[in-house]
């Protein structure tokens, strides 16, 4: 029998620097909800919640989404607005960082964002997570709610 170490345990054994999100991170949850106040044409974007400044690890399989039936062919992408990253570098907006084409044509409850295990990010001022709905018009009563799960230092 052989014993093996994960990358993180190898780094600990070698006394090399680790990010706290790798070994002692704190899980956080941000709740969001949206209810349409009127009909509109798509695509539309919806700012849902903001990740804190610093190093964060988003866990898309743990993030959940509940939505009304928005109508045939409606899909939702989830991503990040542009932000300031490490060393004040500009990081471009990515509209499908976490999920691409979630089917919201019929009602869904506790839908996982994606099977992507993790997304590691660093920002100087925080990162806005947003959704984009496309595929048809938004009705006056469409609703969307859920929560984002992430690990921070």
Foldseek 3Di string as FASTA:
>chain_A
DDDDDDPVVVCVVVVHDDACLVPPWDKDKDKFKDWAQAKDKDFDKFFTDWFAAFKKKWAQQQWFKWWAQFAPFKFKAKWWPWAQFPPRDTDHTDRHPQADGDDRNHTDGGDGRDPPGIDIGHGHGIITMMMTIHDTMGHRGIMMIIMIMMIDD
